[in-house]
Amino acid sequence: MKLDKGIKMLNSEIGDVFELLYRCDKTRHTAKLLVEWLIRKGGYATPSELSDFAWKLQRGLAEKDFKYRRSSLYRTVFRRLLDFGFINEQQVYDAKSGRVVQAYVLIKQPIPRRPPLGGKSFWKLAWHISHAWNSVIEQAVTKG
């Protein structure tokens, strides 16, 4: 993808960070479902809770008339979010069990307020992607 196209896509009203991260509509929709589910759960989920979500998604129980293979969720959607640092594995205190557990946590990207100066560059595109990711999390938190 060219830098111009990526930055224009993010700056447009229709622009969506998931459009840059994933090509297929079904994969993009699955990524949105995963992030919304994590936000509803308080921003984190244990590996067993994520596995339950993946099985529900494969059986079509996560959303009506929508199925997505469990292996594809881990290999395509989850792996990319993990690789880009949008999700991270951390220790979190679980109030239900009363102990510290390993969990996958949504990460708000630490970026400056303004984009990098200069023309087209990788750093500028990375800033725009991180900014779009942060706005997805902020919008979801304010809705909920």
Protein backbone atom coordinates (compact mmCIF):
# COMPACT_ATOMS: atom_id res chain seq x y z
CA MET A 1 0.00 0.00 0.00
CA LYS A 2 1.29 3.44 -0.86
CA LEU A 3 1.79 5.93 1.97
CA ASP A 4 -0.47 8.52 0.30
CA LYS A 5 -3.36 6.10 0.06
CA GLY A 6 -2.94 4.99 3.70
CA ILE A 7 -2.84 8.52 5.10
CA LYS A 8 -5.76 9.68 2.94
CA MET A 9 -7.79 6.65 4.02
CA LEU A 10 -7.20 7.39 7.70
CA ASN A 11 -7.92 11.10 7.31
CA SER A 12 -11.18 10.60 5.43
CA GLU A 13 -14.51 10.32 7.22
CA ILE A 14 -14.87 6.70 6.12
CA GLY A 15 -11.28 5.94 7.14
CA ASP A 16 -10.95 3.05 9.53
CA VAL A 17 -7.85 1.56 11.09
CA PHE A 18 -9.20 -1.93 10.37
CA GLU A 19 -9.28 -1.15 6.63
CA LEU A 20 -5.53 -0.66 6.72
CA LEU A 21 -4.82 -3.71 8.85
CA TYR A 22 -7.02 -6.25 7.05
CA ARG A 23 -7.97 -6.77 3.41
CA CYS A 24 -11.10 -8.91 3.59
CA ASP A 25 -14.41 -7.56 4.86
CA LYS A 26 -15.05 -10.69 6.90
CA THR A 27 -11.67 -10.45 8.63
CA ARG A 28 -12.18 -6.74 9.23
CA HIS A 29 -15.58 -7.42 10.78
CA THR A 30 -14.09 -10.14 12.98
CA ALA A 31 -11.38 -7.77 14.22
CA LYS A 32 -14.05 -5.20 15.12
CA LEU A 33 -16.05 -7.87 16.96
CA LEU A 34 -12.95 -8.94 18.89
CA VAL A 35 -12.07 -5.38 19.95
CA GLU A 36 -15.68 -4.59 20.92
CA TRP A 37 -15.84 -7.81 22.94
CA LEU A 38 -12.59 -6.98 24.73
CA ILE A 39 -13.85 -3.49 25.56
CA ARG A 40 -17.12 -4.90 26.94
CA LYS A 41 -15.03 -7.18 29.16
CA GLY A 42 -13.14 -4.22 30.59
CA GLY A 43 -10.29 -4.10 28.09
CA TYR A 44 -8.78 -7.50 28.88
CA ALA A 45 -9.50 -11.23 28.62
CA THR A 46 -7.72 -14.35 29.82
CA PRO A 47 -6.57 -16.91 27.25
CA SER A 48 -9.43 -19.25 28.23
CA GLU A 49 -12.00 -16.44 27.79
CA LEU A 50 -10.50 -15.65 24.38
CA SER A 51 -10.75 -19.33 23.49
CA ASP A 52 -14.44 -19.36 24.50
CA PHE A 53 -15.03 -16.30 22.30
CA ALA A 54 -13.25 -18.02 19.39
CA TRP A 55 -15.43 -21.14 19.77
CA LYS A 56 -18.58 -18.99 19.89
CA LEU A 57 -17.44 -17.19 16.77
CA GLN A 58 -16.82 -20.48 14.96
CA ARG A 59 -20.24 -21.82 15.93
CA GLY A 60 -21.97 -18.58 14.93
CA LEU A 61 -23.06 -17.67 18.45
CA ALA A 62 -21.07 -14.41 18.78
CA GLU A 63 -23.19 -12.65 16.17
CA LYS A 64 -26.27 -13.81 14.31
CA ASP A 65 -25.55 -15.24 10.84
CA PHE A 66 -21.79 -14.73 11.14
CA LYS A 67 -19.18 -17.47 11.50
CA TYR A 68 -15.40 -17.25 11.48
CA ARG A 69 -12.99 -20.14 11.95
CA ARG A 70 -11.22 -20.28 15.28
CA SER A 71 -7.83 -20.98 13.71
CA SER A 72 -8.25 -17.99 11.37
CA LEU A 73 -9.09 -15.76 14.30
CA TYR A 74 -5.84 -16.66 16.04
CA ARG A 75 -3.67 -16.80 12.91
CA THR A 76 -4.94 -13.72 11.07
CA VAL A 77 -6.81 -11.32 13.33
CA PHE A 78 -5.34 -11.83 16.78
CA ARG A 79 -1.75 -12.38 15.61
CA ARG A 80 -1.68 -9.12 13.65
CA LEU A 81 -3.05 -7.09 16.58
CA LEU A 82 -0.47 -8.75 18.83
CA ASP A 83 2.39 -8.14 16.37
CA PHE A 84 1.53 -4.46 15.98
CA GLY A 85 1.35 -3.99 19.74
CA PHE A 86 -2.37 -3.14 19.83
CA ILE A 87 -2.92 -6.10 22.16
CA ASN A 88 -0.38 -7.31 24.70
CA GLU A 89 -0.13 -10.11 27.24
CA GLN A 90 0.11 -8.74 30.79
CA GLN A 91 -0.60 -9.74 34.34
CA VAL A 92 -3.92 -8.32 35.55
CA TYR A 93 -5.71 -8.55 38.87
CA ASP A 94 -8.96 -10.44 38.35
CA ALA A 95 -11.62 -9.29 40.83
CA LYS A 96 -13.74 -12.41 40.16
CA SER A 97 -11.11 -14.90 41.21
CA GLY A 98 -9.23 -12.53 43.53
CA ARG A 99 -5.82 -13.28 42.04
CA VAL A 100 -3.39 -12.06 39.41
CA VAL A 101 -3.85 -13.75 36.02
CA GLN A 102 -2.24 -13.59 32.59
CA ALA A 103 -4.52 -11.69 30.23
CA TYR A 104 -4.60 -10.12 26.78
CA VAL A 105 -5.00 -6.36 27.18
CA LEU A 106 -5.89 -3.62 24.69
CA ILE A 107 -3.03 -1.13 24.52
CA LYS A 108 -3.53 2.57 23.84
CA GLN A 109 -0.56 3.67 21.76
CA PRO A 110 1.74 6.27 23.33
CA ILE A 111 2.11 8.87 20.58
CA PRO A 112 2.69 12.64 20.55
CA ARG A 113 -0.25 14.98 19.96
CA ARG A 114 0.96 16.06 16.53
CA PRO A 115 2.16 13.90 13.64
CA PRO A 116 5.83 13.96 12.63
CA LEU A 117 6.89 16.88 10.46
CA GLY A 118 7.96 16.46 6.88
CA GLY A 119 6.59 14.70 3.88
CA LYS A 120 5.48 11.15 3.39
CA SER A 121 7.28 8.68 5.60
CA PHE A 122 6.85 5.45 7.45
CA TRP A 123 6.82 7.34 10.76
CA LYS A 124 3.97 9.57 9.64
CA LEU A 125 1.88 6.58 8.52
CA ALA A 126 2.66 4.75 11.77
CA TRP A 127 1.55 7.84 13.72
CA HIS A 128 -1.73 7.99 11.77
CA ILE A 129 -2.41 4.28 12.32
CA SER A 130 -1.70 4.59 16.05
CA HIS A 131 -3.85 7.72 16.27
CA ALA A 132 -6.72 5.92 14.52
CA TRP A 133 -6.34 2.93 16.88
CA ASN A 134 -6.46 5.22 19.92
CA SER A 135 -9.61 6.90 18.61
CA VAL A 136 -11.27 3.47 18.14
CA ILE A 137 -10.57 2.64 21.78
CA GLU A 138 -11.64 6.10 23.03
CA GLN A 139 -14.90 6.02 21.02
CA ALA A 140 -15.75 2.56 22.29
CA VAL A 141 -15.03 3.53 25.89
CA THR A 142 -17.20 6.66 25.67
CA LYS A 143 -20.06 4.64 24.12
CA GLY A 144 -19.94 2.01 26.88
